Protein backbone atom coordinates (compact mmCIF):
# COMPACT_ATOMS: atom_id res chain seq x y z
CA MET A 1 -67.64 -16.67 7.49
CA LYS A 2 -71.36 -17.24 6.74
CA ALA A 3 -71.12 -15.09 3.60
CA LYS A 4 -68.18 -17.19 2.28
CA THR A 5 -70.11 -20.44 2.92
CA LEU A 6 -73.18 -19.09 1.12
CA ALA A 7 -71.12 -18.01 -1.92
CA ALA A 8 -69.48 -21.42 -2.17
CA SER A 9 -72.85 -23.12 -2.06
CA VAL A 10 -74.21 -20.93 -4.88
CA ILE A 11 -71.20 -21.67 -7.09
CA LEU A 12 -71.56 -25.39 -6.47
CA ILE A 13 -75.28 -25.33 -7.34
CA VAL A 14 -74.66 -23.35 -10.55
CA GLY A 15 -71.95 -25.78 -11.61
CA VAL A 16 -74.14 -28.78 -10.97
CA LEU A 17 -77.04 -27.21 -12.91
CA SER A 18 -74.71 -26.38 -15.80
CA LEU A 19 -73.32 -29.87 -15.98
CA SER A 20 -76.78 -31.43 -15.76
CA SER A 21 -78.01 -29.24 -18.60
CA LEU A 22 -75.12 -30.35 -20.94
CA PRO A 23 -76.40 -32.97 -23.39
CA VAL A 24 -74.79 -36.36 -23.41
CA ALA A 25 -74.15 -36.37 -27.14
CA ALA A 26 -73.57 -33.54 -29.61
CA VAL A 27 -75.89 -33.05 -32.56
CA GLY A 28 -73.31 -31.16 -34.69
CA THR A 29 -69.98 -29.43 -34.98
CA ILE A 30 -69.01 -25.84 -34.61
CA SER A 31 -66.64 -23.72 -36.62
CA LEU A 32 -63.64 -22.29 -34.71
CA SER A 33 -61.26 -19.63 -35.99
CA PRO A 34 -58.54 -20.56 -35.45
CA SER A 35 -58.85 -24.20 -34.48
CA GLU A 36 -55.39 -24.40 -32.92
CA GLY A 37 -53.15 -21.98 -31.03
CA VAL A 38 -51.81 -21.04 -27.65
CA VAL A 39 -53.20 -20.31 -24.23
CA ALA A 40 -54.81 -16.84 -23.92
CA MET A 41 -55.51 -16.71 -27.65
CA VAL A 42 -58.92 -15.28 -28.66
CA VAL A 43 -60.98 -17.78 -30.66
CA THR A 44 -64.00 -16.80 -32.75
CA ILE A 45 -67.21 -18.77 -33.50
CA PRO A 46 -68.51 -17.05 -36.66
CA THR A 47 -72.26 -16.83 -37.59
CA PRO A 48 -73.50 -18.22 -34.28
CA CYS A 49 -77.15 -17.82 -35.38
CA SER A 50 -76.66 -20.87 -37.59
CA TYR A 51 -76.69 -22.86 -34.36
CA GLY A 52 -79.89 -21.32 -33.03
CA THR A 53 -80.92 -18.31 -30.96
CA GLY A 54 -81.23 -17.65 -27.28
CA ASP A 55 -78.88 -18.22 -24.39
CA TYR A 56 -75.62 -20.04 -25.20
CA TYR A 57 -72.88 -21.67 -23.08
CA ILE A 58 -69.33 -22.57 -24.12
CA TYR A 59 -67.52 -25.38 -22.30
CA TRP A 60 -63.80 -26.36 -22.43
CA GLY A 61 -62.32 -29.80 -22.04
CA ASP A 62 -63.46 -32.97 -20.45
CA PRO A 63 -64.79 -32.83 -17.81
CA PRO A 64 -66.32 -29.67 -19.24
CA GLN A 65 -65.42 -26.23 -17.84
CA LEU A 66 -67.72 -23.29 -18.52
CA ILE A 67 -65.56 -20.59 -20.04
CA SER A 68 -68.12 -18.23 -21.65
CA GLN A 69 -71.84 -17.58 -21.94
CA GLY A 70 -74.17 -15.06 -23.55
CA ARG A 71 -77.18 -14.70 -25.88
CA ILE A 72 -77.50 -15.14 -29.63
CA ASP A 73 -79.98 -12.74 -31.17
CA ASP A 74 -81.08 -11.84 -34.67
CA LYS A 75 -77.95 -9.68 -35.15
CA CYS A 76 -75.89 -12.85 -35.32
CA THR A 77 -72.80 -11.24 -33.76
CA ALA A 78 -69.79 -13.55 -33.71
CA ILE A 79 -69.00 -15.22 -30.40
CA THR A 80 -65.45 -15.12 -28.96
CA PHE A 81 -63.73 -16.83 -26.09
CA VAL A 82 -60.18 -16.96 -24.66
CA VAL A 83 -58.26 -20.23 -24.58
CA PRO A 84 -57.87 -21.07 -20.90
CA GLU A 85 -54.70 -22.33 -19.24
CA SER A 86 -54.32 -25.84 -20.56
CA GLN A 87 -51.74 -28.49 -21.21
CA ARG A 88 -50.37 -29.26 -24.65
CA GLY A 89 -52.68 -31.21 -27.03
CA LYS A 90 -56.35 -31.39 -28.12
CA HIS A 91 -59.15 -30.01 -25.97
CA LYS A 92 -62.90 -30.27 -26.71
CA VAL A 93 -64.85 -27.03 -27.19
CA THR A 94 -68.64 -27.43 -26.66
CA LEU A 95 -71.33 -24.88 -27.62
CA LYS A 96 -74.80 -25.36 -26.06
CA VAL A 97 -77.66 -23.34 -27.51
CA ALA A 98 -81.11 -24.11 -26.12
CA ASP A 99 -81.36 -27.89 -26.33
CA ALA A 100 -78.76 -28.24 -29.09
CA THR A 101 -75.07 -29.08 -28.50
CA TYR A 102 -72.14 -28.60 -30.93
CA GLU A 103 -68.49 -29.67 -30.50
CA ARG A 104 -65.02 -29.17 -32.02
CA ASP A 105 -61.45 -29.97 -30.89
CA PHE A 106 -58.95 -27.15 -30.33
CA LEU A 107 -55.24 -27.99 -30.47
CA VAL A 108 -53.21 -26.21 -27.73
CA ARG A 109 -49.60 -25.58 -28.68
CA PRO A 110 -46.73 -24.55 -26.34
CA SER A 111 -45.74 -20.88 -26.19
CA LEU A 112 -43.28 -18.59 -24.41
CA THR A 113 -43.40 -14.95 -23.35
CA LEU A 114 -40.73 -12.62 -21.93
CA ASN A 115 -41.21 -9.79 -19.49
CA VAL A 116 -38.59 -7.77 -21.44
CA ASP A 117 -37.23 -8.28 -24.92
CA LYS A 118 -34.06 -6.17 -24.82
CA GLY A 119 -31.32 -5.19 -22.40
CA PRO A 120 -27.63 -5.55 -21.56
CA VAL A 121 -25.70 -8.67 -20.65
CA GLY A 122 -26.59 -9.70 -17.11
CA SER A 123 -30.21 -8.58 -17.35
CA SER A 124 -32.77 -10.66 -15.47
CA VAL A 125 -35.40 -11.99 -17.90
CA THR A 126 -38.51 -13.83 -16.77
CA VAL A 127 -39.63 -16.56 -19.15
CA ARG A 128 -43.29 -17.65 -18.83
CA ALA A 129 -44.53 -20.75 -20.65
CA THR A 130 -47.94 -22.33 -21.33
CA GLY A 131 -49.13 -25.33 -23.30
CA PHE A 132 -46.45 -27.78 -22.15
CA SER A 133 -47.40 -31.26 -21.00
CA ALA A 134 -49.03 -31.66 -17.60
CA ASN A 135 -46.44 -31.96 -14.84
CA GLU A 136 -43.68 -32.08 -17.45
CA SER A 137 -40.22 -32.21 -15.83
CA GLY A 138 -36.66 -31.66 -17.03
CA ILE A 139 -37.60 -28.53 -18.91
CA LYS A 140 -34.64 -26.41 -20.05
CA VAL A 141 -34.42 -22.79 -21.19
CA LEU A 142 -32.17 -22.36 -24.20
CA TYR A 143 -30.22 -19.22 -25.17
CA ASP A 144 -28.83 -19.42 -28.67
CA GLY A 145 -29.17 -23.17 -28.31
CA SER A 146 -27.28 -23.44 -25.01
CA HIS A 147 -28.96 -24.54 -21.79
CA LEU A 148 -29.38 -21.89 -19.09
CA GLU A 149 -31.97 -23.43 -16.72
CA SER A 150 -32.58 -27.16 -16.35
CA VAL A 151 -34.58 -27.81 -13.16
CA ILE A 152 -37.96 -26.57 -14.36
CA MET A 153 -41.22 -28.49 -13.91
CA ALA A 154 -44.58 -27.59 -15.43
CA SER A 155 -47.82 -27.43 -13.49
CA SER A 156 -50.75 -29.82 -13.96
CA LYS A 157 -51.98 -27.41 -16.66
CA GLY A 158 -48.64 -27.32 -18.49
CA SER A 159 -47.51 -23.88 -17.31
CA TRP A 160 -44.18 -22.85 -15.78
CA GLN A 161 -42.00 -19.77 -15.14
CA ALA A 162 -38.22 -19.22 -14.81
CA THR A 163 -35.88 -16.26 -14.53
CA ILE A 164 -32.59 -16.25 -16.44
CA LYS A 165 -29.55 -13.98 -16.54
CA VAL A 166 -28.56 -12.92 -20.05
CA PRO A 167 -25.13 -14.47 -20.60
CA ALA A 168 -22.16 -12.75 -22.23
CA SER A 169 -23.09 -12.27 -25.85
CA LYS A 170 -22.51 -9.82 -28.65
CA ARG A 171 -24.87 -6.98 -29.48
CA GLY A 172 -28.01 -7.73 -31.47
CA SER A 173 -30.67 -10.46 -31.58
CA HIS A 174 -30.47 -13.79 -29.74
CA LYS A 175 -32.92 -16.71 -29.60
CA ILE A 176 -34.62 -17.86 -26.41
CA ASP A 177 -36.29 -21.28 -26.58
CA ALA A 178 -37.30 -24.14 -24.28
CA GLU A 179 -37.60 -27.90 -24.42
CA GLY A 180 -38.42 -30.88 -22.27
CA THR A 181 -40.45 -33.88 -23.35
CA THR A 182 -41.96 -31.14 -25.46
CA PRO A 183 -39.47 -30.74 -28.32
CA ALA A 184 -37.96 -27.31 -28.96
CA ALA A 185 -39.20 -27.53 -32.55
CA GLU A 186 -42.78 -27.17 -31.27
CA VAL A 187 -41.96 -24.11 -29.15
CA PRO A 188 -41.84 -20.83 -31.10
CA ASP A 189 -38.53 -18.98 -30.56
CA LEU A 190 -38.47 -15.59 -28.92
CA THR A 191 -35.95 -12.87 -29.70
CA PHE A 192 -33.98 -10.97 -27.08
CA THR A 193 -31.90 -8.00 -28.22
CA VAL A 194 -28.61 -7.43 -26.38
CA THR A 195 -27.63 -3.79 -26.00
CA PRO A 196 -24.09 -2.53 -25.25
CA GLU A 197 -23.29 -1.44 -21.72
CA ILE A 198 -20.27 -0.36 -19.69
CA SER A 199 -19.59 -0.38 -15.96
CA ILE A 200 -16.86 1.25 -13.89
CA ASN A 201 -15.24 0.11 -10.65
CA PRO A 202 -14.76 1.93 -8.39
CA ALA A 203 -17.33 4.58 -9.19
CA ALA A 204 -15.79 7.20 -6.90
CA GLY A 205 -12.35 8.22 -5.72
CA TRP A 206 -9.50 10.70 -6.04
CA VAL A 207 -7.77 11.94 -9.12
CA GLY A 208 -5.27 9.23 -9.98
CA THR A 209 -7.54 6.40 -8.84
CA LEU A 210 -7.12 3.33 -11.06
CA ALA A 211 -10.61 2.66 -12.44
CA THR A 212 -11.56 -0.46 -14.38
CA VAL A 213 -14.10 -0.12 -17.19
CA ALA A 214 -15.82 -3.31 -18.41
CA GLY A 215 -17.88 -3.45 -21.58
CA THR A 216 -20.46 -6.03 -22.68
CA GLY A 217 -22.76 -6.35 -25.65
CA PHE A 218 -20.32 -4.89 -28.15
CA ASP A 219 -19.83 -6.61 -31.48
CA SER A 220 -17.95 -9.89 -31.67
CA ALA A 221 -14.19 -9.18 -31.74
CA GLU A 222 -14.95 -5.49 -32.24
CA THR A 223 -11.83 -3.34 -32.62
CA GLY A 224 -11.05 0.32 -32.11
CA ILE A 225 -12.84 0.51 -28.78
CA THR A 226 -12.09 3.78 -26.98
CA VAL A 227 -12.89 4.85 -23.41
CA VAL A 228 -13.60 8.55 -22.94
CA TYR A 229 -13.66 10.66 -19.75
CA ASP A 230 -15.50 13.96 -19.96
CA GLY A 231 -15.48 13.47 -23.73
CA LEU A 232 -11.71 13.02 -24.00
CA PRO A 233 -10.10 9.64 -24.85
CA VAL A 234 -8.27 8.07 -21.92
CA LYS A 235 -7.79 4.56 -23.35
CA THR A 236 -7.70 3.44 -26.98
CA GLY A 237 -7.05 0.37 -29.09
CA ILE A 238 -9.20 -2.01 -27.02
CA VAL A 239 -10.46 -5.20 -28.71
CA ALA A 240 -13.56 -7.11 -27.59
CA ASP A 241 -13.64 -10.91 -27.33
CA LEU A 242 -15.84 -13.14 -29.50
CA LYS A 243 -18.79 -12.51 -27.15
CA GLY A 244 -18.44 -8.74 -27.34
CA SER A 245 -16.95 -8.29 -23.87
CA TRP A 246 -13.82 -6.35 -22.90
CA GLN A 247 -12.13 -4.77 -19.89
CA ASN A 248 -9.46 -2.13 -19.38
CA SER A 249 -8.20 0.28 -16.73
CA PHE A 250 -7.17 3.92 -16.64
CA SER A 251 -6.14 6.47 -14.04
CA ILE A 252 -8.70 9.16 -13.34
CA PRO A 253 -7.22 12.27 -14.95
CA THR A 254 -6.90 15.64 -13.28
CA SER A 255 -10.42 16.94 -12.83
CA SER A 256 -12.48 18.98 -10.41
CA THR A 257 -14.64 17.60 -7.66
CA GLY A 258 -18.04 16.18 -8.60
CA ILE A 259 -19.57 13.92 -11.28
CA HIS A 260 -17.76 13.11 -14.52
CA GLY A 261 -19.07 11.04 -17.42
CA VAL A 262 -17.32 7.93 -18.73
CA ASP A 263 -18.35 6.49 -22.10
CA ALA A 264 -17.06 4.13 -24.79
CA TYR A 265 -17.42 3.45 -28.49
CA GLY A 266 -15.87 1.19 -31.10
CA ASP A 267 -15.61 0.65 -34.82
CA VAL A 268 -19.12 -0.86 -34.86
CA THR A 269 -20.76 0.42 -31.68
CA PRO A 270 -21.41 4.18 -31.65
CA ALA A 271 -21.18 6.17 -28.41
CA ALA A 272 -24.88 6.99 -28.73
CA ASP A 273 -25.72 3.30 -28.18
CA VAL A 274 -23.76 3.13 -24.92
CA ALA A 275 -25.20 4.69 -21.79
CA GLU A 276 -22.70 6.84 -19.86
CA VAL A 277 -21.57 5.77 -16.42
CA MET A 278 -20.56 8.28 -13.81
CA PHE A 279 -17.41 8.65 -11.72
CA ARG A 280 -17.53 10.92 -8.69
CA VAL A 281 -14.26 12.73 -8.01
CA SER A 282 -13.58 13.45 -4.35
CA PRO A 283 -10.97 15.97 -3.21
CA GLY A 284 -7.74 14.44 -2.01
CA MET A 285 -4.22 15.32 -0.95
CA LYS A 286 -0.80 13.83 -1.57
CA VAL A 287 2.26 14.52 0.56
CA GLU A 288 5.79 13.98 -0.77
CA MET A 289 9.26 14.89 0.44
CA THR A 290 10.95 17.62 -1.58
CA SER A 291 14.25 15.78 -1.16
CA GLY A 292 15.30 12.34 -0.05
CA HIS A 293 13.85 9.04 -1.13
CA LEU A 294 10.20 8.01 -1.15
CA GLY A 295 9.25 6.50 2.20
CA GLY A 296 12.23 8.01 4.01
CA ALA A 297 11.99 9.31 7.55
CA ILE A 298 10.43 12.77 7.95
CA HIS A 299 11.85 15.16 10.54
CA VAL A 300 10.99 18.54 11.97
CA GLY A 301 12.17 21.23 9.54
CA ASP A 302 11.92 19.01 6.46
CA LYS A 303 10.25 20.49 3.40
CA LEU A 304 7.18 18.66 2.07
CA TRP A 305 5.28 19.07 -1.17
CA VAL A 306 1.55 19.00 -0.46
CA SER A 307 -0.64 18.60 -3.56
CA GLY A 308 -4.41 18.77 -3.80
CA VAL A 309 -6.58 17.20 -6.51
CA GLY A 310 -10.31 17.11 -7.10
CA PHE A 311 -10.97 20.48 -5.51
CA GLY A 312 -13.35 22.96 -7.12
CA ALA A 313 -12.28 24.52 -10.41
CA ASN A 314 -10.34 27.72 -9.62
CA GLU A 315 -11.26 27.33 -5.96
CA ALA A 316 -9.83 30.07 -3.76
CA GLY A 317 -9.25 30.35 -0.02
CA ILE A 318 -7.48 26.99 0.25
CA GLN A 319 -5.43 26.67 3.43
CA LEU A 320 -3.45 23.92 5.16
CA THR A 321 -3.35 22.94 8.80
CA PHE A 322 -0.88 20.77 10.69
CA ASP A 323 -2.55 19.17 13.69
CA GLY A 324 -5.19 21.87 13.42
CA THR A 325 -2.73 24.79 13.33
CA LEU A 326 -2.71 26.94 10.20
CA VAL A 327 0.58 26.53 8.31
CA ALA A 328 -0.26 27.75 4.76
CA SER A 329 -2.98 29.87 3.18
CA GLY A 330 -3.91 31.85 0.08
CA ILE A 331 -3.76 28.81 -2.21
CA ILE A 332 -5.88 28.78 -5.40
CA SER A 333 -6.60 25.65 -7.46
CA ASP A 334 -6.37 25.59 -11.25
CA ALA A 335 -9.23 25.05 -13.69
CA LYS A 336 -9.10 21.32 -13.02
CA GLY A 337 -9.17 21.63 -9.24
CA SER A 338 -5.47 20.94 -8.63
CA TRP A 339 -2.94 22.86 -6.54
CA SER A 340 0.46 22.39 -4.93
CA THR A 341 2.43 24.14 -2.22
CA GLN A 342 5.47 23.60 0.01
CA LEU A 343 5.23 23.03 3.74
CA GLU A 344 7.95 22.96 6.43
CA VAL A 345 7.30 20.48 9.22
CA PRO A 346 6.82 22.55 12.40
CA PRO A 347 8.16 21.51 15.84
CA CYS A 348 6.17 18.53 17.09
CA THR A 349 6.52 15.28 18.99
CA ARG A 350 7.34 11.98 17.30
CA GLY A 351 4.58 9.87 15.71
CA GLU A 352 1.55 10.52 13.49
CA HIS A 353 0.41 14.03 12.63
CA ILE A 354 -2.48 15.21 10.46
CA ILE A 355 -2.25 17.56 7.50
CA ASP A 356 -5.67 18.81 6.40
CA ALA A 357 -7.01 21.32 3.88
CA THR A 358 -10.09 23.43 3.37
CA GLY A 359 -11.23 25.94 0.77
CA ASP A 360 -14.11 28.18 -0.14
CA LEU A 361 -15.92 25.15 -1.60
CA THR A 362 -14.14 22.18 -0.07
CA LYS A 363 -14.84 21.49 3.58
CA THR A 364 -12.71 19.55 6.03
CA ALA A 365 -15.20 16.69 6.02
CA ASP A 366 -14.97 16.44 2.21
CA ILE A 367 -11.33 15.39 2.16
CA ALA A 368 -9.44 12.53 3.75
CA ASP A 369 -6.70 13.63 6.12
CA ALA A 370 -3.09 13.15 5.07
CA ILE A 371 -1.14 11.46 7.85
CA VAL A 372 2.62 11.90 8.17
CA VAL A 373 4.86 10.11 10.65
CA ILE A 374 7.53 12.35 12.15
CA SER A 375 10.72 10.72 13.44
CA PRO A 376 13.10 12.06 16.14
CA SER A 377 16.24 13.81 14.92
CA MET A 378 19.20 15.59 16.46
CA ARG A 379 21.77 18.14 15.32
CA ILE A 380 25.19 18.67 16.91
CA THR A 381 27.42 21.75 16.84
CA PRO A 382 30.24 21.43 15.92
CA THR A 383 30.34 18.19 13.98
CA THR A 384 34.14 17.94 14.12
CA GLY A 385 36.62 18.85 16.81
CA SER A 386 39.11 17.80 19.43
CA VAL A 387 39.10 16.17 22.83
CA GLY A 388 37.71 18.61 25.39
CA ASP A 389 35.66 20.63 22.92
CA GLU A 390 32.10 21.47 23.93
CA VAL A 391 29.43 19.90 21.70
CA VAL A 392 25.85 21.26 21.76
CA VAL A 393 23.06 18.79 20.97
CA ASN A 394 19.67 20.00 19.71
CA GLY A 395 16.90 17.38 19.42
CA THR A 396 13.45 17.57 17.83
CA ALA A 397 10.39 15.29 17.60
CA PHE A 398 11.23 13.36 20.76
CA SER A 399 8.48 12.51 23.24
CA ALA A 400 7.07 15.41 25.23
CA ASN A 401 8.40 16.26 28.69
CA GLN A 402 10.92 13.43 28.98
CA VAL A 403 14.46 13.27 30.45
CA VAL A 404 17.16 12.81 27.80
CA THR A 405 20.45 10.88 28.08
CA ILE A 406 23.40 11.59 25.75
CA ASN A 407 25.90 8.84 24.89
CA TYR A 408 29.22 9.29 23.07
CA ALA A 409 30.63 6.14 21.48
CA GLY A 410 28.52 4.07 23.88
CA THR A 411 29.50 5.98 27.03
CA GLN A 412 27.10 8.32 28.81
CA VAL A 413 28.39 11.87 28.71
CA ALA A 414 25.33 13.93 29.68
CA SER A 415 21.97 13.49 31.40
CA GLY A 416 19.28 15.60 32.99
CA ALA A 417 18.14 17.70 30.06
CA ALA A 418 14.41 17.35 29.34
CA THR A 419 12.24 17.78 26.26
CA ASP A 420 9.55 20.44 26.09
CA GLU A 421 5.88 19.87 25.20
CA LYS A 422 6.80 19.60 21.51
CA GLY A 423 9.60 17.11 22.04
CA SER A 424 12.52 19.54 21.60
CA PHE A 425 15.60 19.82 23.86
CA THR A 426 19.12 21.27 24.06
CA ALA A 427 22.05 19.63 25.88
CA SER A 428 25.86 19.83 25.80
CA PHE A 429 28.96 17.82 26.79
CA ARG A 430 32.75 17.86 26.51
CA VAL A 431 34.37 15.46 24.07
CA PRO A 432 36.10 12.75 26.08
CA LYS A 433 39.40 11.16 25.16
CA GLY A 434 39.13 8.59 22.45
CA LYS A 435 40.54 7.44 19.17
CA GLY A 436 40.42 9.88 16.28
CA GLY A 437 37.74 9.37 13.64
CA ASP A 438 33.94 9.16 13.53
CA HIS A 439 32.00 8.53 16.72
CA THR A 440 28.24 8.10 17.17
CA ILE A 441 26.42 10.43 19.54
CA THR A 442 23.05 9.06 20.63
CA ALA A 443 20.20 10.85 22.40
CA THR A 444 17.52 8.73 24.10
CA ASP A 445 14.55 9.91 26.11
CA SER A 446 12.77 7.95 28.81
CA ALA A 447 9.95 7.07 26.38
CA ALA A 448 12.43 5.28 24.09
CA SER A 449 12.66 7.99 21.43
CA VAL A 450 16.11 7.71 19.85
CA ALA A 451 18.17 9.74 17.38
CA SER A 452 21.85 9.87 16.55
CA ALA A 453 24.49 11.99 14.84
CA THR A 454 28.16 11.56 13.97
CA PHE A 455 31.02 13.54 15.50
CA SER A 456 34.41 13.41 13.82
CA LEU A 457 37.29 13.55 16.31
CA GLU A 458 40.39 15.04 14.70
CA LYS A 459 42.99 12.56 13.39
CA ILE A 460 45.97 14.87 12.91
CA PRO A 461 49.01 13.51 14.79
CA PRO A 462 50.92 15.87 17.12
CA PRO A 463 54.41 17.16 16.19
CA MET A 464 57.44 14.99 16.94
CA PRO A 465 59.34 16.05 20.07
CA GLN A 466 63.08 16.80 20.08
CA LEU A 467 65.50 14.81 22.30
CA LEU A 468 67.50 17.08 24.65
CA LEU A 469 69.28 15.08 27.34
CA PRO A 470 71.32 12.92 27.44
CA GLU A 471 72.93 14.22 24.29
CA SER A 472 73.86 11.84 21.54
CA GLY A 473 76.96 9.81 22.45
CA ALA A 474 77.00 11.00 26.04
CA SER A 475 78.67 8.83 28.70
CA ILE A 476 77.02 8.71 32.07
CA GLY A 477 78.51 7.29 35.27
CA LEU A 478 81.70 5.32 35.90
CA TRP A 479 80.57 1.93 37.06
CA GLY A 480 76.85 1.51 35.97
CA ASN A 481 73.47 1.20 37.76
CA VAL A 482 72.79 4.80 36.86
CA LYS A 483 69.35 6.45 37.34
CA VAL A 484 69.60 8.25 34.03
CA PRO A 485 67.53 11.46 33.65
CA PHE A 486 65.91 11.99 30.22
CA ASP A 487 64.63 15.28 28.84
CA TRP A 488 62.91 16.26 25.57
CA SER A 489 61.07 19.22 24.07
CA ALA A 490 57.35 19.86 24.66
CA VAL A 491 54.77 19.72 21.80
CA GLU A 492 51.26 21.11 21.67
CA ASP A 493 47.95 19.64 20.40
CA PRO A 494 44.28 20.71 20.88
CA SER A 495 43.49 17.33 22.39
CA GLY A 496 46.35 17.44 24.91
CA VAL A 497 49.57 15.42 24.73
CA ALA A 498 51.23 12.55 26.58
CA TYR A 499 54.60 10.95 25.77
CA THR A 500 56.00 7.50 25.36
CA LEU A 501 59.68 6.75 26.20
CA GLU A 502 61.49 3.62 24.98
CA ILE A 503 65.03 2.37 25.80
CA SER A 504 66.74 -0.40 23.83
CA GLN A 505 70.21 -1.92 23.50
CA THR A 506 69.75 -2.11 19.71
CA SER A 507 69.53 0.82 17.35
CA ASP A 508 66.49 -0.65 15.58
CA PHE A 509 64.64 -1.10 18.87
CA SER A 510 63.89 -4.72 17.97
CA THR A 511 63.92 -5.39 21.67
CA VAL A 512 62.87 -2.81 24.23
CA ILE A 513 64.18 -3.12 27.76
CA LEU A 514 62.06 -0.26 29.12
CA ARG A 515 58.86 1.47 27.92
CA LYS A 516 57.03 4.24 29.74
CA ASP A 517 53.58 5.33 28.41
CA ASN A 518 51.32 8.28 29.22
CA LEU A 519 54.12 10.49 30.52
CA GLU A 520 52.58 13.90 31.04
CA GLN A 521 55.89 15.72 31.61
CA THR A 522 58.72 16.28 29.13
CA GLU A 523 61.27 14.63 31.38
CA TYR A 524 61.68 11.34 33.16
CA THR A 525 64.34 10.01 35.57
CA LEU A 526 64.74 6.28 35.92
CA SER A 527 63.85 4.79 39.29
CA GLU A 528 66.17 2.65 41.41
CA GLN A 529 64.64 -0.47 39.90
CA GLU A 530 64.94 0.96 36.37
CA ALA A 531 68.61 2.11 36.72
CA LEU A 532 70.77 1.16 33.75
CA GLY A 533 73.82 -1.01 34.17
CA ARG A 534 77.12 -0.33 32.47
CA GLY A 535 76.70 -0.60 28.68
CA LYS A 536 75.52 0.98 25.43
CA TYR A 537 71.91 2.14 25.06
CA TYR A 538 69.55 3.90 22.67
CA TRP A 539 66.54 5.98 23.65
CA ARG A 540 63.65 7.58 21.79
CA VAL A 541 60.35 9.44 22.45
CA ARG A 542 57.05 10.04 20.66
CA ALA A 543 54.00 12.22 21.42
CA VAL A 544 50.41 10.87 21.68
CA ASP A 545 47.43 13.26 21.74
CA GLY A 546 44.12 12.81 23.55
CA ALA A 547 42.52 11.38 20.38
CA GLY A 548 45.10 8.61 20.25
CA ASN A 549 46.94 10.13 17.32
CA GLU A 550 50.70 9.35 17.51
CA SER A 551 53.63 11.35 16.21
CA ASN A 552 56.60 9.67 14.59
CA TRP A 553 59.30 8.29 16.87
CA THR A 554 62.38 10.38 17.27
CA SER A 555 65.58 8.86 15.96
CA GLY A 556 67.19 6.55 18.51
CA GLN A 557 69.86 8.49 20.45
CA PHE A 558 73.01 6.69 21.71
CA LEU A 559 74.32 6.92 25.28
CA GLN A 560 77.03 5.13 27.24
CA VAL A 561 76.56 4.12 30.87
CA GLY A 562 79.78 3.38 32.94
CA THR A 563 82.91 4.96 31.36
CA LEU A 564 85.64 2.78 32.94
CA ASP A 565 86.57 -0.71 31.76
CA MET A 566 87.55 -3.23 34.48
CA TRP A 567 90.89 -4.18 32.94
CA LYS A 568 91.84 -0.56 32.79
CA VAL A 569 90.87 -0.17 36.43
CA ALA A 570 92.90 -3.27 37.35
CA LEU A 571 95.93 -2.09 35.36
CA GLY A 572 95.71 1.33 36.85
CA GLY A 573 95.50 -0.19 40.32
CA ALA A 574 98.59 -2.31 39.67
CA VAL A 575 100.51 0.69 38.43
CA VAL A 576 99.52 2.64 41.48
CA ILE A 577 100.59 -0.18 43.75
CA VAL A 578 103.99 -0.40 41.99
CA ILE A 579 104.47 3.33 42.24
CA ILE A 580 103.50 3.26 45.89
CA ALA A 581 105.92 0.42 46.46
CA ILE A 582 108.77 2.25 44.72
CA VAL A 583 108.10 5.43 46.60
CA TRP A 584 107.83 3.58 49.87
CA ARG A 585 111.16 1.79 49.21
CA SER A 586 112.90 5.00 48.29
CA ILE A 587 111.69 6.65 51.44
CA SER A 588 112.73 3.66 53.50
CA MET A 589 116.24 3.66 52.07
CA ARG A 590 116.75 7.32 52.81
CA ARG A 591 115.65 6.84 56.33
CA ARG A 592 118.18 4.05 56.79
CA GLY A 593 120.98 6.19 55.38
CA ASN A 594 120.26 8.87 57.82
CA TRP A 595 120.09 6.48 60.64
CA LYS A 596 123.56 5.30 59.87
């Protein structure tokens, strides 16, 4: 602390002595070369011996600031000094030699400097300025006459600094200028050269990745721009805008893992002027179904195409794993690092499963896993049949170790079977009675895994039975109220057979007085309540199998119940009575004759 105080005191004393030694009035003028310029310029005082010999001091401005000192000897070596940081305008330069003092004004002009004078669009360029007015505000940086920065203020000595971003502009030279209260005409222009550049996004990915290449600094409206990948064109016919910018996309072509160069050129801009950008190809896999539609459900046993891209050129020893278990091996990539093989989904539970790959060069960590979602499925044997047939159900990709319930057309037909640790099971049931046609069989486990299949129940109707008794036209009973027995031939069907009997008093059966369904036997005798009264009747039968399929009706067969008419009975009775009366009279008369 004491050392700093002492140094400050010495400086103050020297300054005071220097100022006190400066004469009040000059006795002459000095020659300056040049007499105007910019801050940091070197100014020369030629032939200094014409002003005297001995120690000299050079002062700048008013109040005076010592900027140089030395000694003039008989060699008369020219004196030089550097223009100090100063505001725009005239500043007094004073030379003191012995007791003589000489003066001359030096005109400070504004100037600009750049930290770099060439680069691509978007470059950061620092603009430094001197020789502007003291504390000048509202200063703007101009690029080709357009404002870029407008909140700049100079220091008390007329200096300022700003950083700009090179705007979109064509290749070649562009003017950088500045203005404020200081007019741009007084500020010498600087030249910045725009160079062409390309960028790529993303800069890494798989083969097939859509990459966007953007170019800047090409010629205005330049045509014939071509993007190349590893030296081969991948996009052509691109046209730049008026500011030399353009953008286009392409899919990364088949190529091996590692770094690949992307470049561009046009009708004006050669490839040599454009720095290459790099795209890093990573190994990747794609999984597709060999059949079915994209995005469809994947089941155990399905065939999948597994393709690899971005592996090493001609890489050997490539193998596939499914949930860590080896499922394919001996695969070799081509010269561009691509390969393809077929994979059958092994038994597994429902949900997500991982397919991975490795090779002699490509490690598991180098490649993103391919994830497939496996859905439950079931297979039934047979898929068609009759009532009572046994159907075997095989399910895969259900949840592990769960009880399974089987439903047929919404009705539970089996339960108790359980899945194994890979979600597979086998169950069976007998086809219940139902209507012929397609029926849905559903398997559900206790973890809500569900799959279904379709069983087709036969729809072939059974044969038509033959009517046996009563025979056509038969008459049964004398008076009516007869419990008529009916009999017909038996028919056979895989689903089992029942019969329907109808009795009508009209041959077209427009009205039916009796109908009996689900008769299991081939005969039926009417009950006491069903007994037929005296009259004419028709009867018919059809067969119905267990699947609800119906045969045709037999033809209606006629029968007569009650063979005697009442008037005939009455007439016959009267005749009998008359005959009895005649016989009785004859007998009576004979008896009387004998008696006499």
